[in-house]
Amino acid sequence: KTVLAYSSISQMGFLIVGLGLGLGAPQAWPAVA
């Protein structure tokens, strides 16, 4: 379960990438969201 927890930490990075893309291009936010 600890390995899964560290995997969750890394997977959150993908969501942060998406959030950064949406913040950088607000016109595309609905699709990015």
ModelCIF file with pLDDT and N, C-alpha, C, O atoms, coordinates in Angstrom:
data_MODEL
#
_entry.id   MODEL 
#
_entity.id                         1 
_entity.type                       polymer 
_entity.pdbx_number_of_molecules   1 
#
_entity_poly.entity_id                      1 
_entity_poly.type                           'polypeptide(L)' 
_entity_poly.nstd_linkage                   no 
_entity_poly.nstd_monomer                   no 
_entity_poly.pdbx_seq_one_letter_code       KTVLAYSSISQMGFLIVGLGLGLGAPQAWPAVA 
_entity_poly.pdbx_seq_one_letter_code_can   KTVLAYSSISQMGFLIVGLGLGLGAPQAWPAVA 
_entity_poly.pdbx_strand_id                 A 
#
loop_
_entity_poly_seq.entity_id 
_entity_poly_seq.num 
_entity_poly_seq.mon_id 
_entity_poly_seq.hetero 
1 1  LYS n 
1 2  THR n 
1 3  VAL n 
1 4  LEU n 
1 5  ALA n 
1 6  TYR n 
1 7  SER n 
1 8  SER n 
1 9  ILE n 
1 10 SER n 
1 11 GLN n 
1 12 MET n 
1 13 GLY n 
1 14 PHE n 
1 15 LEU n 
1 16 ILE n 
1 17 VAL n 
1 18 GLY n 
1 19 LEU n 
1 20 GLY n 
1 21 LEU n 
1 22 GLY n 
1 23 LEU n 
1 24 GLY n 
1 25 ALA n 
1 26 PRO n 
1 27 GLN n 
1 28 ALA n 
1 29 TRP n 
1 30 PRO n 
1 31 ALA n 
1 32 VAL n 
1 33 ALA n 
#
_struct_asym.id          A 
_struct_asym.entity_id   1 
#
loop_
_ma_qa_metric.id 
_ma_qa_metric.mode 
_ma_qa_metric.name 
_ma_qa_metric.software_group_id 
_ma_qa_metric.type 
1 global pLDDT . pLDDT 
2 local  pLDDT . pLDDT 
#
_ma_qa_metric_global.metric_id      1 
_ma_qa_metric_global.metric_value   90.36 
_ma_qa_metric_global.model_id       1 
_ma_qa_metric_global.ordinal_id     1 
#
loop_
_ma_qa_metric_local.label_asym_id 
_ma_qa_metric_local.label_comp_id 
_ma_qa_metric_local.label_seq_id 
_ma_qa_metric_local.metric_id 
_ma_qa_metric_local.metric_value 
_ma_qa_metric_local.model_id 
_ma_qa_metric_local.ordinal_id 
A LYS 1  2 92.00 1 1  
A THR 2  2 93.00 1 2  
A VAL 3  2 94.00 1 3  
A LEU 4  2 95.00 1 4  
A ALA 5  2 93.00 1 5  
A TYR 6  2 93.00 1 6  
A SER 7  2 94.00 1 7  
A SER 8  2 93.00 1 8  
A ILE 9  2 90.00 1 9  
A SER 10 2 88.00 1 10 
A GLN 11 2 90.00 1 11 
A MET 12 2 91.00 1 12 
A GLY 13 2 88.00 1 13 
A PHE 14 2 87.00 1 14 
A LEU 15 2 90.00 1 15 
A ILE 16 2 91.00 1 16 
A VAL 17 2 89.00 1 17 
A GLY 18 2 90.00 1 18 
A LEU 19 2 90.00 1 19 
A GLY 20 2 89.00 1 20 
A LEU 21 2 90.00 1 21 
A GLY 22 2 90.00 1 22 
A LEU 23 2 88.00 1 23 
A GLY 24 2 87.00 1 24 
A ALA 25 2 88.00 1 25 
A PRO 26 2 89.00 1 26 
A GLN 27 2 91.00 1 27 
A ALA 28 2 90.00 1 28 
A TRP 29 2 90.00 1 29 
A PRO 30 2 90.00 1 30 
A ALA 31 2 89.00 1 31 
A VAL 32 2 90.00 1 32 
A ALA 33 2 90.00 1 33 
#
loop_
_atom_site.group_PDB 
_atom_site.id 
_atom_site.type_symbol 
_atom_site.label_atom_id 
_atom_site.label_alt_id 
_atom_site.label_comp_id 
_atom_site.label_asym_id 
_atom_site.label_entity_id 
_atom_site.label_seq_id 
_atom_site.pdbx_PDB_ins_code 
_atom_site.Cartn_x 
_atom_site.Cartn_y 
_atom_site.Cartn_z 
_atom_site.occupancy 
_atom_site.B_iso_or_equiv 
_atom_site.pdbx_formal_charge 
_atom_site.auth_seq_id 
_atom_site.auth_comp_id 
_atom_site.auth_asym_id 
_atom_site.auth_atom_id 
_atom_site.pdbx_PDB_model_num 
ATOM 1   N N  . LYS A 1 1  ? 0.822   -1.205 0.000   1.00 92.00 ? 1  LYS A N  1 
ATOM 2   C CA . LYS A 1 1  ? 0.000   0.000  0.000   1.00 92.00 ? 1  LYS A CA 1 
ATOM 3   C C  . LYS A 1 1  ? 0.857   1.257  0.000   1.00 92.00 ? 1  LYS A C  1 
ATOM 4   O O  . LYS A 1 1  ? 0.446   2.281  -0.545  1.00 92.00 ? 1  LYS A O  1 
ATOM 5   N N  . THR A 1 2  ? 2.037   1.199  0.599   1.00 93.00 ? 2  THR A N  1 
ATOM 6   C CA . THR A 1 2  ? 2.929   2.359  0.585   1.00 93.00 ? 2  THR A CA 1 
ATOM 7   C C  . THR A 1 2  ? 3.432   2.626  -0.828  1.00 93.00 ? 2  THR A C  1 
ATOM 8   O O  . THR A 1 2  ? 3.559   3.781  -1.236  1.00 93.00 ? 2  THR A O  1 
ATOM 9   N N  . VAL A 1 3  ? 3.720   1.560  -1.577  1.00 94.00 ? 3  VAL A N  1 
ATOM 10  C CA . VAL A 1 3  ? 4.118   1.724  -2.978  1.00 94.00 ? 3  VAL A CA 1 
ATOM 11  C C  . VAL A 1 3  ? 3.001   2.396  -3.771  1.00 94.00 ? 3  VAL A C  1 
ATOM 12  O O  . VAL A 1 3  ? 3.262   3.263  -4.605  1.00 94.00 ? 3  VAL A O  1 
ATOM 13  N N  . LEU A 1 4  ? 1.761   1.997  -3.511  1.00 95.00 ? 4  LEU A N  1 
ATOM 14  C CA . LEU A 1 4  ? 0.628   2.624  -4.191  1.00 95.00 ? 4  LEU A CA 1 
ATOM 15  C C  . LEU A 1 4  ? 0.509   4.095  -3.826  1.00 95.00 ? 4  LEU A C  1 
ATOM 16  O O  . LEU A 1 4  ? 0.157   4.923  -4.667  1.00 95.00 ? 4  LEU A O  1 
ATOM 17  N N  . ALA A 1 5  ? 0.804   4.421  -2.567  1.00 93.00 ? 5  ALA A N  1 
ATOM 18  C CA . ALA A 1 5  ? 0.737   5.819  -2.144  1.00 93.00 ? 5  ALA A CA 1 
ATOM 19  C C  . ALA A 1 5  ? 1.765   6.665  -2.890  1.00 93.00 ? 5  ALA A C  1 
ATOM 20  O O  . ALA A 1 5  ? 1.452   7.774  -3.324  1.00 93.00 ? 5  ALA A O  1 
ATOM 21  N N  . TYR A 1 6  ? 2.982   6.159  -3.045  1.00 93.00 ? 6  TYR A N  1 
ATOM 22  C CA . TYR A 1 6  ? 3.991   6.900  -3.812  1.00 93.00 ? 6  TYR A CA 1 
ATOM 23  C C  . TYR A 1 6  ? 3.597   6.986  -5.284  1.00 93.00 ? 6  TYR A C  1 
ATOM 24  O O  . TYR A 1 6  ? 3.884   7.985  -5.944  1.00 93.00 ? 6  TYR A O  1 
ATOM 25  N N  . SER A 1 7  ? 2.949   5.960  -5.797  1.00 94.00 ? 7  SER A N  1 
ATOM 26  C CA . SER A 1 7  ? 2.452   6.021  -7.163  1.00 94.00 ? 7  SER A CA 1 
ATOM 27  C C  . SER A 1 7  ? 1.409   7.132  -7.313  1.00 94.00 ? 7  SER A C  1 
ATOM 28  O O  . SER A 1 7  ? 1.379   7.829  -8.327  1.00 94.00 ? 7  SER A O  1 
ATOM 29  N N  . SER A 1 8  ? 0.556   7.291  -6.297  1.00 93.00 ? 8  SER A N  1 
ATOM 30  C CA . SER A 1 8  ? -0.442  8.361  -6.341  1.00 93.00 ? 8  SER A CA 1 
ATOM 31  C C  . SER A 1 8  ? 0.225   9.728  -6.371  1.00 93.00 ? 8  SER A C  1 
ATOM 32  O O  . SER A 1 8  ? -0.234  10.627 -7.077  1.00 93.00 ? 8  SER A O  1 
ATOM 33  N N  . ILE A 1 9  ? 1.298   9.893  -5.617  1.00 90.00 ? 9  ILE A N  1 
ATOM 34  C CA . ILE A 1 9  ? 2.030   11.158 -5.619  1.00 90.00 ? 9  ILE A CA 1 
ATOM 35  C C  . ILE A 1 9  ? 2.531   11.464 -7.028  1.00 90.00 ? 9  ILE A C  1 
ATOM 36  O O  . ILE A 1 9  ? 2.406   12.591 -7.505  1.00 90.00 ? 9  ILE A O  1 
ATOM 37  N N  . SER A 1 10 ? 3.091   10.465 -7.684  1.00 88.00 ? 10 SER A N  1 
ATOM 38  C CA . SER A 1 10 ? 3.611   10.701 -9.035  1.00 88.00 ? 10 SER A CA 1 
ATOM 39  C C  . SER A 1 10 ? 2.478   10.966 -10.025 1.00 88.00 ? 10 SER A C  1 
ATOM 40  O O  . SER A 1 10 ? 2.615   11.804 -10.916 1.00 88.00 ? 10 SER A O  1 
ATOM 41  N N  . GLN A 1 11 ? 1.349   10.246 -9.870  1.00 90.00 ? 11 GLN A N  1 
ATOM 42  C CA . GLN A 1 11 ? 0.232   10.447 -10.791 1.00 90.00 ? 11 GLN A CA 1 
ATOM 43  C C  . GLN A 1 11 ? -0.370  11.841 -10.659 1.00 90.00 ? 11 GLN A C  1 
ATOM 44  O O  . GLN A 1 11 ? -0.910  12.379 -11.626 1.00 90.00 ? 11 GLN A O  1 
ATOM 45  N N  . MET A 1 12 ? -0.281  12.425 -9.475  1.00 91.00 ? 12 MET A N  1 
ATOM 46  C CA . MET A 1 12 ? -0.773  13.793 -9.313  1.00 91.00 ? 12 MET A CA 1 
ATOM 47  C C  . MET A 1 12 ? -0.006  14.765 -10.200 1.00 91.00 ? 12 MET A C  1 
ATOM 48  O O  . MET A 1 12 ? -0.511  15.831 -10.551 1.00 91.00 ? 12 MET A O  1 
ATOM 49  N N  . GLY A 1 13 ? 1.217   14.388 -10.559 1.00 88.00 ? 13 GLY A N  1 
ATOM 50  C CA . GLY A 1 13 ? 1.990   15.243 -11.452 1.00 88.00 ? 13 GLY A CA 1 
ATOM 51  C C  . GLY A 1 13 ? 1.317   15.431 -12.801 1.00 88.00 ? 13 GLY A C  1 
ATOM 52  O O  . GLY A 1 13 ? 1.392   16.514 -13.382 1.00 88.00 ? 13 GLY A O  1 
ATOM 53  N N  . PHE A 1 14 ? 0.651   14.380 -13.315 1.00 87.00 ? 14 PHE A N  1 
ATOM 54  C CA . PHE A 1 14 ? -0.055  14.517 -14.584 1.00 87.00 ? 14 PHE A CA 1 
ATOM 55  C C  . PHE A 1 14 ? -1.177  15.547 -14.472 1.00 87.00 ? 14 PHE A C  1 
ATOM 56  O O  . PHE A 1 14 ? -1.393  16.354 -15.376 1.00 87.00 ? 14 PHE A O  1 
ATOM 57  N N  . LEU A 1 15 ? -1.890  15.504 -13.335 1.00 90.00 ? 15 LEU A N  1 
ATOM 58  C CA . LEU A 1 15 ? -2.978  16.471 -13.153 1.00 90.00 ? 15 LEU A CA 1 
ATOM 59  C C  . LEU A 1 15 ? -2.432  17.888 -13.032 1.00 90.00 ? 15 LEU A C  1 
ATOM 60  O O  . LEU A 1 15 ? -3.043  18.833 -13.530 1.00 90.00 ? 15 LEU A O  1 
ATOM 61  N N  . ILE A 1 16 ? -1.282  18.041 -12.370 1.00 91.00 ? 16 ILE A N  1 
ATOM 62  C CA . ILE A 1 16 ? -0.673  19.368 -12.247 1.00 91.00 ? 16 ILE A CA 1 
ATOM 63  C C  . ILE A 1 16 ? -0.228  19.883 -13.617 1.00 91.00 ? 16 ILE A C  1 
ATOM 64  O O  . ILE A 1 16 ? -0.333  21.077 -13.896 1.00 91.00 ? 16 ILE A O  1 
ATOM 65  N N  . VAL A 1 17 ? 0.266   18.988 -14.465 1.00 89.00 ? 17 VAL A N  1 
ATOM 66  C CA . VAL A 1 17 ? 0.623   19.390 -15.832 1.00 89.00 ? 17 VAL A CA 1 
ATOM 67  C C  . VAL A 1 17 ? -0.602  19.929 -16.555 1.00 89.00 ? 17 VAL A C  1 
ATOM 68  O O  . VAL A 1 17 ? -0.543  20.974 -17.203 1.00 89.00 ? 17 VAL A O  1 
ATOM 69  N N  . GLY A 1 18 ? -1.723  19.200 -16.437 1.00 90.00 ? 18 GLY A N  1 
ATOM 70  C CA . GLY A 1 18 ? -2.954  19.676 -17.072 1.00 90.00 ? 18 GLY A CA 1 
ATOM 71  C C  . GLY A 1 18 ? -3.408  21.008 -16.522 1.00 90.00 ? 18 GLY A C  1 
ATOM 72  O O  . GLY A 1 18 ? -3.835  21.884 -17.275 1.00 90.00 ? 18 GLY A O  1 
ATOM 73  N N  . LEU A 1 19 ? -3.318  21.168 -15.210 1.00 90.00 ? 19 LEU A N  1 
ATOM 74  C CA . LEU A 1 19 ? -3.703  22.441 -14.589 1.00 90.00 ? 19 LEU A CA 1 
ATOM 75  C C  . LEU A 1 19 ? -2.815  23.578 -15.088 1.00 90.00 ? 19 LEU A C  1 
ATOM 76  O O  . LEU A 1 19 ? -3.303  24.670 -15.378 1.00 90.00 ? 19 LEU A O  1 
ATOM 77  N N  . GLY A 1 20 ? -1.511  23.321 -15.188 1.00 89.00 ? 20 GLY A N  1 
ATOM 78  C CA . GLY A 1 20 ? -0.600  24.346 -15.700 1.00 89.00 ? 20 GLY A CA 1 
ATOM 79  C C  . GLY A 1 20 ? -0.909  24.733 -17.136 1.00 89.00 ? 20 GLY A C  1 
ATOM 80  O O  . GLY A 1 20 ? -0.839  25.907 -17.497 1.00 89.00 ? 20 GLY A O  1 
ATOM 81  N N  . LEU A 1 21 ? -1.255  23.730 -17.967 1.00 90.00 ? 21 LEU A N  1 
ATOM 82  C CA . LEU A 1 21 ? -1.614  24.033 -19.357 1.00 90.00 ? 21 LEU A CA 1 
ATOM 83  C C  . LEU A 1 21 ? -2.864  24.897 -19.421 1.00 90.00 ? 21 LEU A C  1 
ATOM 84  O O  . LEU A 1 21 ? -2.950  25.821 -20.230 1.00 90.00 ? 21 LEU A O  1 
ATOM 85  N N  . GLY A 1 22 ? -3.844  24.586 -18.551 1.00 90.00 ? 22 GLY A N  1 
ATOM 86  C CA . GLY A 1 22 ? -5.072  25.382 -18.544 1.00 90.00 ? 22 GLY A CA 1 
ATOM 87  C C  . GLY A 1 22 ? -4.850  26.798 -18.066 1.00 90.00 ? 22 GLY A C  1 
ATOM 88  O O  . GLY A 1 22 ? -5.457  27.733 -18.588 1.00 90.00 ? 22 GLY A O  1 
ATOM 89  N N  . LEU A 1 23 ? -3.975  26.970 -17.066 1.00 88.00 ? 23 LEU A N  1 
ATOM 90  C CA . LEU A 1 23 ? -3.667  28.312 -16.574 1.00 88.00 ? 23 LEU A CA 1 
ATOM 91  C C  . LEU A 1 23 ? -2.892  29.114 -17.615 1.00 88.00 ? 23 LEU A C  1 
ATOM 92  O O  . LEU A 1 23 ? -3.048  30.331 -17.712 1.00 88.00 ? 23 LEU A O  1 
ATOM 93  N N  . GLY A 1 24 ? -2.062  28.429 -18.387 1.00 87.00 ? 24 GLY A N  1 
ATOM 94  C CA . GLY A 1 24 ? -1.268  29.131 -19.399 1.00 87.00 ? 24 GLY A CA 1 
ATOM 95  C C  . GLY A 1 24 ? -2.063  29.497 -20.632 1.00 87.00 ? 24 GLY A C  1 
ATOM 96  O O  . GLY A 1 24 ? -1.692  30.414 -21.364 1.00 87.00 ? 24 GLY A O  1 
ATOM 97  N N  . ALA A 1 25 ? -3.159  28.784 -20.867 1.00 88.00 ? 25 ALA A N  1 
ATOM 98  C CA . ALA A 1 25 ? -3.990  29.067 -22.046 1.00 88.00 ? 25 ALA A CA 1 
ATOM 99  C C  . ALA A 1 25 ? -5.460  29.046 -21.621 1.00 88.00 ? 25 ALA A C  1 
ATOM 100 O O  . ALA A 1 25 ? -6.156  28.058 -21.855 1.00 88.00 ? 25 ALA A O  1 
ATOM 101 N N  . PRO A 1 26 ? -5.936  30.128 -20.999 1.00 89.00 ? 26 PRO A N  1 
ATOM 102 C CA . PRO A 1 26 ? -7.315  30.141 -20.470 1.00 89.00 ? 26 PRO A CA 1 
ATOM 103 C C  . PRO A 1 26 ? -8.377  29.864 -21.524 1.00 89.00 ? 26 PRO A C  1 
ATOM 104 O O  . PRO A 1 26 ? -9.438  29.330 -21.202 1.00 89.00 ? 26 PRO A O  1 
ATOM 105 N N  . GLN A 1 27 ? -8.108  30.222 -22.793 1.00 91.00 ? 27 GLN A N  1 
ATOM 106 C CA . GLN A 1 27 ? -9.107  30.002 -23.830 1.00 91.00 ? 27 GLN A CA 1 
ATOM 107 C C  . GLN A 1 27 ? -9.367  28.517 -24.057 1.00 91.00 ? 27 GLN A C  1 
ATOM 108 O O  . GLN A 1 27 ? -10.433 28.141 -24.545 1.00 91.00 ? 27 GLN A O  1 
ATOM 109 N N  . ALA A 1 28 ? -8.394  27.665 -23.704 1.00 90.00 ? 28 ALA A N  1 
ATOM 110 C CA . ALA A 1 28 ? -8.551  26.225 -23.904 1.00 90.00 ? 28 ALA A CA 1 
ATOM 111 C C  . ALA A 1 28 ? -8.970  25.510 -22.628 1.00 90.00 ? 28 ALA A C  1 
ATOM 112 O O  . ALA A 1 28 ? -9.036  24.281 -22.593 1.00 90.00 ? 28 ALA A O  1 
ATOM 113 N N  . TRP A 1 29 ? -9.257  26.285 -21.569 1.00 90.00 ? 29 TRP A N  1 
ATOM 114 C CA . TRP A 1 29 ? -9.521  25.657 -20.280 1.00 90.00 ? 29 TRP A CA 1 
ATOM 115 C C  . TRP A 1 29 ? -10.687 24.668 -20.287 1.00 90.00 ? 29 TRP A C  1 
ATOM 116 O O  . TRP A 1 29 ? -10.544 23.603 -19.687 1.00 90.00 ? 29 TRP A O  1 
ATOM 117 N N  . PRO A 1 30 ? -11.825 24.939 -20.920 1.00 90.00 ? 30 PRO A N  1 
ATOM 118 C CA . PRO A 1 30 ? -12.918 23.961 -20.889 1.00 90.00 ? 30 PRO A CA 1 
ATOM 119 C C  . PRO A 1 30 ? -12.498 22.583 -21.404 1.00 90.00 ? 30 PRO A C  1 
ATOM 120 O O  . PRO A 1 30 ? -12.857 21.561 -20.819 1.00 90.00 ? 30 PRO A O  1 
ATOM 121 N N  . ALA A 1 31 ? -11.737 22.560 -22.498 1.00 89.00 ? 31 ALA A N  1 
ATOM 122 C CA . ALA A 1 31 ? -11.290 21.277 -23.047 1.00 89.00 ? 31 ALA A CA 1 
ATOM 123 C C  . ALA A 1 31 ? -10.256 20.625 -22.146 1.00 89.00 ? 31 ALA A C  1 
ATOM 124 O O  . ALA A 1 31 ? -10.294 19.413 -21.930 1.00 89.00 ? 31 ALA A O  1 
ATOM 125 N N  . VAL A 1 32 ? -9.318  21.431 -21.612 1.00 90.00 ? 32 VAL A N  1 
ATOM 126 C CA . VAL A 1 32 ? -8.294  20.885 -20.714 1.00 90.00 ? 32 VAL A CA 1 
ATOM 127 C C  . VAL A 1 32 ? -8.936  20.353 -19.435 1.00 90.00 ? 32 VAL A C  1 
ATOM 128 O O  . VAL A 1 32 ? -8.536  19.304 -18.930 1.00 90.00 ? 32 VAL A O  1 
ATOM 129 N N  . ALA A 1 33 ? -9.929  21.070 -18.910 1.00 90.00 ? 33 ALA A N  1 
ATOM 130 C CA . ALA A 1 33 ? -10.606 20.630 -17.689 1.00 90.00 ? 33 ALA A CA 1 
ATOM 131 C C  . ALA A 1 33 ? -11.286 19.286 -17.893 1.00 90.00 ? 33 ALA A C  1 
ATOM 132 O O  . ALA A 1 33 ? -11.906 18.761 -16.968 1.00 90.00 ? 33 ALA A O  1 
#
